[in-house]
Amino acid sequence: MRERLEDLITEKAVGALRQMDISEIVVREGTELIREKVKGTMLSMMLNEQMIQSIAAPIGEEIENYIEENGAAKIRPIVAGEIARMEAGSLGSLTSRIPLKKDEVDKIVDVLYDTCVEDSVGMITESIDVAGIAETKIKEMDVVALEALIFSVMKKELNAIVNLGALIGFVIGLLNLLVDML
């Protein structure tokens, strides 16, 4: 997982560098810097804008090529070091560097909790043998206690059936009255 995280962050950083158009930045900033450095010197009379840009443009292209070829190799160790430093610290030290409000932390914790529960609920339910536990408990019970348990369950269920029968009889009686009235 750590390697995938390193790969992802490195890929994102190199992608961001590619999108920056480094050669254009080097040409613009390099031209300005050269102009400032030679200003007021004898060299400024010999260097015109076109000559300065002809020096800066190849440098910018070479920098882009270097980033393309070596960017990931140069950035990955930095990313790996930062990840290692973050792993070595406590969660509290990590979160103290990120300015989060309580409700944001609550949302993050909720999402992490839900994800962990969803990912592990199948494994947990498979590892718990409910039928085996119930069978063991019933086998360990005293015969009198088991009989009392069975009778209490039967009493509740029979009461539910009697009450349901009374309700159905009441509804049928009302329907019979309605039919007779018509």
N, C-alpha and C. Protein backbone atom coordinates (compact mmCIF):
# COMPACT_ATOMS: atom_id res chain seq x y z
N MET A 1 0.82 -1.19 0.00
CA MET A 1 0.00 0.00 0.00
C MET A 1 0.87 1.26 0.00
N ARG A 2 1.96 1.19 0.77
CA ARG A 2 2.84 2.35 0.84
C ARG A 2 3.43 2.66 -0.54
N GLU A 3 3.84 1.62 -1.26
CA GLU A 3 4.41 1.83 -2.59
C GLU A 3 3.38 2.44 -3.54
N ARG A 4 2.13 1.99 -3.44
CA ARG A 4 1.08 2.57 -4.29
C ARG A 4 0.87 4.04 -3.96
N LEU A 5 0.93 4.39 -2.67
CA LEU A 5 0.79 5.78 -2.27
C LEU A 5 1.96 6.61 -2.79
N GLU A 6 3.17 6.07 -2.67
CA GLU A 6 4.34 6.77 -3.19
C GLU A 6 4.21 6.98 -4.70
N ASP A 7 3.78 5.92 -5.40
CA ASP A 7 3.61 6.02 -6.86
C ASP A 7 2.58 7.09 -7.21
N LEU A 8 1.46 7.07 -6.50
CA LEU A 8 0.38 8.02 -6.79
C LEU A 8 0.82 9.47 -6.57
N ILE A 9 1.44 9.73 -5.44
CA ILE A 9 1.87 11.10 -5.14
C ILE A 9 2.96 11.54 -6.10
N THR A 10 3.91 10.66 -6.39
CA THR A 10 4.98 10.99 -7.33
C THR A 10 4.40 11.29 -8.71
N GLU A 11 3.48 10.46 -9.14
CA GLU A 11 2.83 10.66 -10.45
C GLU A 11 2.10 12.00 -10.50
N LYS A 12 1.40 12.35 -9.44
CA LYS A 12 0.68 13.62 -9.39
C LYS A 12 1.65 14.80 -9.42
N ALA A 13 2.75 14.71 -8.67
CA ALA A 13 3.73 15.81 -8.62
C ALA A 13 4.39 16.00 -9.98
N VAL A 14 4.80 14.91 -10.62
CA VAL A 14 5.44 15.01 -11.93
C VAL A 14 4.43 15.53 -12.96
N GLY A 15 3.18 15.07 -12.86
CA GLY A 15 2.13 15.57 -13.76
C GLY A 15 1.92 17.07 -13.60
N ALA A 16 1.95 17.53 -12.36
CA ALA A 16 1.79 18.98 -12.12
C ALA A 16 2.97 19.76 -12.70
N LEU A 17 4.18 19.22 -12.58
CA LEU A 17 5.34 19.89 -13.18
C LEU A 17 5.23 19.94 -14.70
N ARG A 18 4.71 18.88 -15.30
CA ARG A 18 4.55 18.85 -16.75
C ARG A 18 3.54 19.92 -17.21
N GLN A 19 2.51 20.12 -16.43
CA GLN A 19 1.47 21.08 -16.79
C GLN A 19 1.92 22.52 -16.62
N MET A 20 2.98 22.75 -15.89
CA MET A 20 3.41 24.12 -15.60
C MET A 20 4.04 24.83 -16.79
N ASP A 21 4.40 24.14 -17.85
CA ASP A 21 5.08 24.73 -19.02
C ASP A 21 6.37 25.41 -18.56
N ILE A 22 7.27 24.58 -18.07
CA ILE A 22 8.53 25.04 -17.51
C ILE A 22 9.34 25.85 -18.52
N SER A 23 9.37 25.41 -19.79
CA SER A 23 10.21 26.12 -20.77
C SER A 23 9.76 27.58 -20.92
N GLU A 24 8.46 27.82 -20.89
CA GLU A 24 7.95 29.20 -21.01
C GLU A 24 8.33 30.01 -19.77
N ILE A 25 8.27 29.39 -18.60
CA ILE A 25 8.65 30.08 -17.36
C ILE A 25 10.14 30.42 -17.39
N VAL A 26 10.97 29.46 -17.83
CA VAL A 26 12.42 29.70 -17.89
C VAL A 26 12.73 30.82 -18.88
N VAL A 27 12.08 30.79 -20.05
CA VAL A 27 12.31 31.84 -21.05
C VAL A 27 11.93 33.20 -20.47
N ARG A 28 10.75 33.30 -19.88
CA ARG A 28 10.28 34.57 -19.34
C ARG A 28 11.15 35.06 -18.19
N GLU A 29 11.34 34.20 -17.19
CA GLU A 29 12.10 34.60 -16.00
C GLU A 29 13.59 34.73 -16.31
N GLY A 30 14.11 33.82 -17.15
CA GLY A 30 15.52 33.88 -17.52
C GLY A 30 15.85 35.13 -18.31
N THR A 31 14.98 35.49 -19.24
CA THR A 31 15.17 36.71 -20.03
C THR A 31 15.20 37.92 -19.12
N GLU A 32 14.27 37.99 -18.20
CA GLU A 32 14.21 39.12 -17.27
C GLU A 32 15.46 39.16 -16.39
N LEU A 33 15.90 38.02 -15.90
CA LEU A 33 17.08 37.97 -15.03
C LEU A 33 18.34 38.38 -15.80
N ILE A 34 18.50 37.89 -17.02
CA ILE A 34 19.68 38.26 -17.82
C ILE A 34 19.66 39.76 -18.11
N ARG A 35 18.48 40.29 -18.47
CA ARG A 35 18.36 41.72 -18.73
C ARG A 35 18.78 42.54 -17.52
N GLU A 36 18.34 42.13 -16.32
CA GLU A 36 18.70 42.85 -15.10
C GLU A 36 20.19 42.75 -14.79
N LYS A 37 20.78 41.58 -15.02
CA LYS A 37 22.19 41.38 -14.68
C LYS A 37 23.13 42.15 -15.61
N VAL A 38 22.77 42.27 -16.89
CA VAL A 38 23.68 42.95 -17.83
C VAL A 38 23.33 44.42 -17.99
N LYS A 39 22.31 44.88 -17.34
CA LYS A 39 21.87 46.27 -17.44
C LYS A 39 23.00 47.21 -16.99
N GLY A 40 23.28 48.17 -17.83
CA GLY A 40 24.29 49.17 -17.51
C GLY A 40 25.71 48.70 -17.78
N THR A 41 25.88 47.51 -18.36
CA THR A 41 27.22 47.02 -18.67
C THR A 41 27.44 47.07 -20.18
N MET A 42 28.64 46.81 -20.57
CA MET A 42 29.01 46.81 -21.98
C MET A 42 28.30 45.66 -22.71
N LEU A 43 28.08 44.58 -21.98
CA LEU A 43 27.43 43.41 -22.56
C LEU A 43 25.98 43.71 -22.96
N SER A 44 25.33 44.64 -22.27
CA SER A 44 23.94 44.96 -22.59
C SER A 44 23.79 45.56 -23.98
N MET A 45 24.84 46.17 -24.48
CA MET A 45 24.77 46.73 -25.84
C MET A 45 24.82 45.63 -26.89
N MET A 46 25.44 44.50 -26.56
CA MET A 46 25.57 43.42 -27.52
C MET A 46 24.41 42.43 -27.47
N LEU A 47 23.77 42.33 -26.30
CA LEU A 47 22.66 41.38 -26.15
C LEU A 47 21.32 42.07 -26.40
N ASN A 48 20.62 41.63 -27.43
CA ASN A 48 19.27 42.14 -27.66
C ASN A 48 18.26 41.10 -27.16
N GLU A 49 17.00 41.41 -27.22
CA GLU A 49 15.92 40.54 -26.73
C GLU A 49 15.95 39.19 -27.42
N GLN A 50 16.13 39.17 -28.71
CA GLN A 50 16.12 37.93 -29.48
C GLN A 50 17.29 37.03 -29.07
N MET A 51 18.45 37.61 -28.84
CA MET A 51 19.62 36.83 -28.45
C MET A 51 19.43 36.24 -27.05
N ILE A 52 18.85 37.02 -26.16
CA ILE A 52 18.61 36.54 -24.79
C ILE A 52 17.62 35.37 -24.82
N GLN A 53 16.56 35.51 -25.61
CA GLN A 53 15.57 34.43 -25.70
C GLN A 53 16.15 33.20 -26.38
N SER A 54 17.07 33.39 -27.33
CA SER A 54 17.69 32.23 -27.98
C SER A 54 18.59 31.47 -27.01
N ILE A 55 19.04 32.12 -25.95
CA ILE A 55 19.82 31.44 -24.91
C ILE A 55 18.87 30.74 -23.94
N ALA A 56 17.80 31.41 -23.54
CA ALA A 56 16.89 30.90 -22.51
C ALA A 56 16.01 29.77 -23.02
N ALA A 57 15.57 29.81 -24.28
CA ALA A 57 14.64 28.80 -24.81
C ALA A 57 15.24 27.39 -24.77
N PRO A 58 16.47 27.16 -25.24
CA PRO A 58 17.02 25.80 -25.16
C PRO A 58 17.19 25.32 -23.71
N ILE A 59 17.50 26.24 -22.83
CA ILE A 59 17.64 25.86 -21.41
C ILE A 59 16.29 25.38 -20.88
N GLY A 60 15.22 26.10 -21.21
CA GLY A 60 13.88 25.69 -20.79
C GLY A 60 13.49 24.34 -21.34
N GLU A 61 13.81 24.09 -22.61
CA GLU A 61 13.50 22.79 -23.22
C GLU A 61 14.28 21.67 -22.56
N GLU A 62 15.55 21.93 -22.24
CA GLU A 62 16.36 20.92 -21.57
C GLU A 62 15.83 20.61 -20.17
N ILE A 63 15.35 21.62 -19.49
CA ILE A 63 14.78 21.41 -18.16
C ILE A 63 13.52 20.56 -18.28
N GLU A 64 12.67 20.85 -19.26
CA GLU A 64 11.47 20.03 -19.47
C GLU A 64 11.84 18.59 -19.79
N ASN A 65 12.84 18.39 -20.64
CA ASN A 65 13.29 17.03 -20.97
C ASN A 65 13.82 16.32 -19.72
N TYR A 66 14.57 17.05 -18.91
CA TYR A 66 15.11 16.47 -17.68
C TYR A 66 13.97 16.04 -16.75
N ILE A 67 12.97 16.88 -16.61
CA ILE A 67 11.82 16.55 -15.75
C ILE A 67 11.11 15.32 -16.31
N GLU A 68 10.94 15.27 -17.61
CA GLU A 68 10.25 14.15 -18.24
C GLU A 68 11.00 12.84 -18.00
N GLU A 69 12.33 12.89 -18.15
CA GLU A 69 13.13 11.67 -18.02
C GLU A 69 13.46 11.31 -16.57
N ASN A 70 13.71 12.31 -15.72
CA ASN A 70 14.22 12.04 -14.38
C ASN A 70 13.33 12.56 -13.26
N GLY A 71 12.21 13.17 -13.60
CA GLY A 71 11.37 13.79 -12.58
C GLY A 71 10.90 12.81 -11.52
N ALA A 72 10.36 11.67 -11.96
CA ALA A 72 9.84 10.69 -11.01
C ALA A 72 10.96 10.14 -10.12
N ALA A 73 12.13 9.90 -10.71
CA ALA A 73 13.25 9.35 -9.94
C ALA A 73 13.76 10.35 -8.90
N LYS A 74 13.66 11.64 -9.20
CA LYS A 74 14.12 12.66 -8.26
C LYS A 74 13.07 12.96 -7.18
N ILE A 75 11.80 12.89 -7.55
CA ILE A 75 10.72 13.24 -6.61
C ILE A 75 10.38 12.08 -5.68
N ARG A 76 10.43 10.84 -6.17
CA ARG A 76 10.02 9.68 -5.38
C ARG A 76 10.74 9.57 -4.04
N PRO A 77 12.07 9.74 -3.96
CA PRO A 77 12.72 9.65 -2.64
C PRO A 77 12.23 10.71 -1.66
N ILE A 78 11.92 11.88 -2.17
CA ILE A 78 11.39 12.94 -1.30
C ILE A 78 10.02 12.54 -0.78
N VAL A 79 9.18 12.01 -1.67
CA VAL A 79 7.84 11.57 -1.28
C VAL A 79 7.94 10.42 -0.27
N ALA A 80 8.84 9.47 -0.55
CA ALA A 80 9.02 8.32 0.37
C ALA A 80 9.48 8.80 1.74
N GLY A 81 10.38 9.78 1.77
CA GLY A 81 10.84 10.32 3.05
C GLY A 81 9.73 11.00 3.83
N GLU A 82 8.90 11.76 3.14
CA GLU A 82 7.78 12.44 3.80
C GLU A 82 6.77 11.42 4.33
N ILE A 83 6.49 10.38 3.56
CA ILE A 83 5.55 9.35 4.02
C ILE A 83 6.12 8.64 5.24
N ALA A 84 7.43 8.32 5.21
CA ALA A 84 8.07 7.67 6.35
C ALA A 84 8.01 8.56 7.59
N ARG A 85 8.25 9.86 7.39
CA ARG A 85 8.20 10.80 8.52
C ARG A 85 6.78 10.86 9.08
N MET A 86 5.78 10.85 8.21
CA MET A 86 4.40 10.89 8.67
C MET A 86 4.02 9.60 9.39
N GLU A 87 4.52 8.46 8.90
CA GLU A 87 4.23 7.18 9.55
C GLU A 87 4.87 7.11 10.93
N ALA A 88 6.05 7.71 11.07
CA ALA A 88 6.75 7.66 12.35
C ALA A 88 6.05 8.50 13.41
N GLY A 89 5.35 9.54 13.00
CA GLY A 89 4.66 10.40 13.95
C GLY A 89 3.33 9.83 14.38
N SER A 90 2.77 10.41 15.39
CA SER A 90 1.46 9.98 15.86
C SER A 90 0.37 10.63 15.01
N LEU A 91 -0.82 10.09 15.11
CA LEU A 91 -1.95 10.66 14.38
C LEU A 91 -2.22 12.08 14.86
N GLY A 92 -2.03 12.31 16.15
CA GLY A 92 -2.25 13.65 16.70
C GLY A 92 -1.28 14.66 16.13
N SER A 93 0.01 14.27 15.98
CA SER A 93 0.99 15.21 15.41
C SER A 93 0.70 15.48 13.94
N LEU A 94 0.20 14.47 13.25
CA LEU A 94 -0.15 14.65 11.84
C LEU A 94 -1.34 15.59 11.69
N THR A 95 -2.37 15.38 12.48
CA THR A 95 -3.56 16.23 12.36
C THR A 95 -3.32 17.63 12.89
N SER A 96 -2.35 17.80 13.79
CA SER A 96 -2.08 19.15 14.29
C SER A 96 -1.45 20.02 13.20
N ARG A 97 -0.79 19.39 12.23
CA ARG A 97 -0.20 20.14 11.12
C ARG A 97 -1.24 20.49 10.06
N ILE A 98 -2.38 19.83 10.09
CA ILE A 98 -3.43 20.11 9.12
C ILE A 98 -4.54 20.86 9.87
N PRO A 99 -4.80 22.10 9.51
CA PRO A 99 -5.82 22.86 10.24
C PRO A 99 -7.23 22.39 9.87
N LEU A 100 -7.77 21.51 10.69
CA LEU A 100 -9.11 20.99 10.47
C LEU A 100 -10.03 21.43 11.60
N LYS A 101 -11.27 21.69 11.23
CA LYS A 101 -12.29 22.02 12.23
C LYS A 101 -12.89 20.72 12.74
N LYS A 102 -13.56 20.80 13.89
CA LYS A 102 -14.11 19.61 14.52
C LYS A 102 -15.09 18.90 13.61
N ASP A 103 -15.96 19.63 12.91
CA ASP A 103 -16.94 18.98 12.05
C ASP A 103 -16.27 18.29 10.86
N GLU A 104 -15.14 18.84 10.38
CA GLU A 104 -14.41 18.19 9.29
C GLU A 104 -13.79 16.89 9.78
N VAL A 105 -13.22 16.91 10.99
CA VAL A 105 -12.64 15.70 11.56
C VAL A 105 -13.74 14.66 11.77
N ASP A 106 -14.91 15.09 12.26
CA ASP A 106 -16.03 14.18 12.47
C ASP A 106 -16.43 13.50 11.15
N LYS A 107 -16.49 14.28 10.07
CA LYS A 107 -16.84 13.71 8.77
C LYS A 107 -15.81 12.69 8.32
N ILE A 108 -14.54 13.02 8.49
CA ILE A 108 -13.47 12.10 8.09
C ILE A 108 -13.55 10.81 8.89
N VAL A 109 -13.74 10.94 10.20
CA VAL A 109 -13.83 9.76 11.06
C VAL A 109 -15.05 8.93 10.68
N ASP A 110 -16.18 9.57 10.41
CA ASP A 110 -17.39 8.84 10.00
C ASP A 110 -17.14 8.04 8.72
N VAL A 111 -16.52 8.68 7.74
CA VAL A 111 -16.25 8.00 6.47
C VAL A 111 -15.29 6.83 6.68
N LEU A 112 -14.23 7.06 7.46
CA LEU A 112 -13.27 5.98 7.74
C LEU A 112 -13.93 4.83 8.49
N TYR A 113 -14.76 5.16 9.48
CA TYR A 113 -15.44 4.13 10.26
C TYR A 113 -16.38 3.32 9.36
N ASP A 114 -17.19 4.02 8.56
CA ASP A 114 -18.12 3.32 7.66
C ASP A 114 -17.37 2.42 6.69
N THR A 115 -16.27 2.92 6.15
CA THR A 115 -15.48 2.13 5.21
C THR A 115 -14.90 0.89 5.88
N CYS A 116 -14.35 1.06 7.07
CA CYS A 116 -13.78 -0.08 7.79
C CYS A 116 -14.85 -1.11 8.12
N VAL A 117 -16.00 -0.65 8.58
CA VAL A 117 -17.08 -1.57 8.95
C VAL A 117 -17.58 -2.31 7.71
N GLU A 118 -17.80 -1.57 6.61
CA GLU A 118 -18.29 -2.21 5.39
C GLU A 118 -17.29 -3.23 4.85
N ASP A 119 -16.01 -2.89 4.93
CA ASP A 119 -14.98 -3.80 4.42
C ASP A 119 -14.82 -5.04 5.27
N SER A 120 -15.04 -4.94 6.57
CA SER A 120 -14.75 -6.06 7.46
C SER A 120 -15.98 -6.78 8.00
N VAL A 121 -17.18 -6.31 7.71
CA VAL A 121 -18.37 -6.95 8.27
C VAL A 121 -18.53 -8.37 7.76
N GLY A 122 -18.21 -8.62 6.51
CA GLY A 122 -18.31 -9.98 5.97
C GLY A 122 -17.34 -10.91 6.67
N MET A 123 -16.11 -10.47 6.85
CA MET A 123 -15.10 -11.28 7.51
C MET A 123 -15.49 -11.57 8.96
N ILE A 124 -16.04 -10.57 9.63
CA ILE A 124 -16.43 -10.74 11.03
C ILE A 124 -17.58 -11.73 11.15
N THR A 125 -18.60 -11.58 10.30
CA THR A 125 -19.75 -12.48 10.39
C THR A 125 -19.37 -13.90 10.00
N GLU A 126 -18.41 -14.07 9.10
CA GLU A 126 -17.96 -15.41 8.75
C GLU A 126 -17.18 -16.05 9.89
N SER A 127 -16.47 -15.25 10.65
CA SER A 127 -15.65 -15.80 11.72
C SER A 127 -16.46 -16.12 12.98
N ILE A 128 -17.67 -15.60 13.09
CA ILE A 128 -18.52 -15.89 14.25
C ILE A 128 -19.49 -16.99 13.87
N ASP A 129 -19.41 -18.11 14.55
CA ASP A 129 -20.29 -19.26 14.30
C ASP A 129 -21.48 -19.18 15.25
N VAL A 130 -22.50 -18.44 14.83
CA VAL A 130 -23.67 -18.23 15.68
C VAL A 130 -24.37 -19.54 15.99
N ALA A 131 -24.54 -20.38 14.99
CA ALA A 131 -25.22 -21.66 15.19
C ALA A 131 -24.43 -22.53 16.18
N GLY A 132 -23.12 -22.54 16.04
CA GLY A 132 -22.28 -23.33 16.95
C GLY A 132 -22.35 -22.80 18.37
N ILE A 133 -22.35 -21.48 18.52
CA ILE A 133 -22.44 -20.88 19.86
C ILE A 133 -23.78 -21.21 20.50
N ALA A 134 -24.86 -21.08 19.72
CA ALA A 134 -26.20 -21.39 20.25
C ALA A 134 -26.29 -22.87 20.64
N GLU A 135 -25.76 -23.74 19.80
CA GLU A 135 -25.79 -25.17 20.08
C GLU A 135 -25.03 -25.50 21.37
N THR A 136 -23.87 -24.88 21.52
CA THR A 136 -23.06 -25.11 22.72
C THR A 136 -23.78 -24.63 23.97
N LYS A 137 -24.37 -23.45 23.89
CA LYS A 137 -25.08 -22.89 25.05
C LYS A 137 -26.29 -23.78 25.42
N ILE A 138 -26.99 -24.27 24.41
CA ILE A 138 -28.17 -25.11 24.68
C ILE A 138 -27.73 -26.43 25.30
N LYS A 139 -26.64 -27.01 24.79
CA LYS A 139 -26.14 -28.28 25.35
C LYS A 139 -25.68 -28.11 26.79
N GLU A 140 -25.16 -26.93 27.12
CA GLU A 140 -24.68 -26.67 28.48
C GLU A 140 -25.81 -26.37 29.46
N MET A 141 -27.01 -26.04 28.93
CA MET A 141 -28.13 -25.66 29.81
C MET A 141 -28.69 -26.88 30.54
N ASP A 142 -29.21 -26.61 31.73
CA ASP A 142 -29.90 -27.61 32.52
C ASP A 142 -31.23 -27.92 31.83
N VAL A 143 -31.72 -29.13 31.93
CA VAL A 143 -32.96 -29.54 31.26
C VAL A 143 -34.13 -28.70 31.75
N VAL A 144 -34.20 -28.40 33.02
CA VAL A 144 -35.29 -27.60 33.58
C VAL A 144 -35.22 -26.17 33.02
N ALA A 145 -34.01 -25.60 32.93
CA ALA A 145 -33.86 -24.25 32.41
C ALA A 145 -34.21 -24.22 30.92
N LEU A 146 -33.83 -25.27 30.19
CA LEU A 146 -34.16 -25.36 28.76
C LEU A 146 -35.68 -25.46 28.57
N GLU A 147 -36.31 -26.25 29.41
CA GLU A 147 -37.77 -26.39 29.34
C GLU A 147 -38.44 -25.05 29.63
N ALA A 148 -37.97 -24.33 30.63
CA ALA A 148 -38.54 -23.02 30.97
C ALA A 148 -38.35 -22.05 29.81
N LEU A 149 -37.18 -22.07 29.16
CA LEU A 149 -36.93 -21.21 28.01
C LEU A 149 -37.89 -21.54 26.87
N ILE A 150 -38.05 -22.81 26.58
CA ILE A 150 -38.95 -23.22 25.49
C ILE A 150 -40.38 -22.80 25.80
N PHE A 151 -40.84 -23.01 27.04
CA PHE A 151 -42.21 -22.63 27.39
C PHE A 151 -42.41 -21.12 27.32
N SER A 152 -41.40 -20.33 27.72
CA SER A 152 -41.55 -18.87 27.65
C SER A 152 -41.64 -18.40 26.20
N VAL A 153 -40.85 -19.02 25.32
CA VAL A 153 -40.92 -18.65 23.90
C VAL A 153 -42.27 -19.08 23.33
N MET A 154 -42.71 -20.29 23.69
CA MET A 154 -44.00 -20.78 23.19
C MET A 154 -45.14 -19.89 23.68
N LYS A 155 -45.07 -19.45 24.92
CA LYS A 155 -46.12 -18.61 25.48
C LYS A 155 -46.22 -17.29 24.71
N LYS A 156 -45.06 -16.68 24.44
CA LYS A 156 -45.05 -15.42 23.68
C LYS A 156 -45.60 -15.63 22.28
N GLU A 157 -45.15 -16.69 21.63
CA GLU A 157 -45.58 -16.93 20.25
C GLU A 157 -47.06 -17.30 20.20
N LEU A 158 -47.52 -18.11 21.12
CA LEU A 158 -48.94 -18.48 21.14
C LEU A 158 -49.82 -17.26 21.45
N ASN A 159 -49.36 -16.41 22.35
CA ASN A 159 -50.10 -15.17 22.63
C ASN A 159 -50.19 -14.30 21.38
N ALA A 160 -49.10 -14.26 20.62
CA ALA A 160 -49.11 -13.48 19.38
C ALA A 160 -50.10 -14.09 18.39
N ILE A 161 -50.13 -15.41 18.31
CA ILE A 161 -51.06 -16.08 17.39
C ILE A 161 -52.50 -15.84 17.83
N VAL A 162 -52.77 -15.93 19.14
CA VAL A 162 -54.12 -15.69 19.67
C VAL A 162 -54.56 -14.26 19.36
N ASN A 163 -53.67 -13.31 19.60
CA ASN A 163 -54.00 -11.90 19.34
C ASN A 163 -54.22 -11.66 17.85
N LEU A 164 -53.42 -12.27 17.00
CA LEU A 164 -53.59 -12.14 15.56
C LEU A 164 -54.93 -12.76 15.14
N GLY A 165 -55.26 -13.91 15.73
CA GLY A 165 -56.55 -14.56 15.44
C GLY A 165 -57.72 -13.67 15.85
N ALA A 166 -57.60 -13.01 17.00
CA ALA A 166 -58.66 -12.11 17.47
C ALA A 166 -58.82 -10.94 16.50
N LEU A 167 -57.71 -10.40 16.05
CA LEU A 167 -57.76 -9.28 15.10
C LEU A 167 -58.39 -9.71 13.78
N ILE A 168 -58.00 -10.85 13.29
CA ILE A 168 -58.56 -11.34 12.02
C ILE A 168 -60.06 -11.61 12.19
N GLY A 169 -60.44 -12.21 13.32
CA GLY A 169 -61.86 -12.47 13.59
C GLY A 169 -62.65 -11.17 13.65
N PHE A 170 -62.08 -10.14 14.28
CA PHE A 170 -62.73 -8.84 14.37
C PHE A 170 -62.94 -8.23 12.99
N VAL A 171 -61.90 -8.29 12.16
CA VAL A 171 -61.99 -7.72 10.81
C VAL A 171 -63.01 -8.49 9.98
N ILE A 172 -63.00 -9.82 10.09
CA ILE A 172 -63.98 -10.63 9.34
C ILE A 172 -65.40 -10.33 9.83
N GLY A 173 -65.55 -10.17 11.13
CA GLY A 173 -66.87 -9.83 11.68
C GLY A 173 -67.36 -8.49 11.16
N LEU A 174 -66.48 -7.48 11.11
CA LEU A 174 -66.86 -6.18 10.57
C LEU A 174 -67.24 -6.29 9.10
N LEU A 175 -66.45 -7.04 8.34
CA LEU A 175 -66.76 -7.22 6.92
C LEU A 175 -68.11 -7.94 6.76
N ASN A 176 -68.40 -8.92 7.60
CA ASN A 176 -69.67 -9.64 7.56
C ASN A 176 -70.82 -8.69 7.85
N LEU A 177 -70.64 -7.80 8.83
CA LEU A 177 -71.67 -6.83 9.15
C LEU A 177 -71.93 -5.90 7.95
N LEU A 178 -70.83 -5.44 7.31
CA LEU A 178 -70.97 -4.57 6.16
C LEU A 178 -71.69 -5.27 5.01
N VAL A 179 -71.37 -6.53 4.79
CA VAL A 179 -72.01 -7.30 3.70
C VAL A 179 -73.49 -7.48 4.02
N ASP A 180 -73.84 -7.80 5.28
CA ASP A 180 -75.23 -8.00 5.68
C ASP A 180 -76.03 -6.70 5.55
N MET A 181 -75.38 -5.56 5.80
CA MET A 181 -76.07 -4.27 5.72
C MET A 181 -76.42 -3.93 4.28
N LEU A 182 -75.64 -4.39 3.37
CA LEU A 182 -75.89 -4.09 1.97
C LEU A 182 -76.92 -5.01 1.46
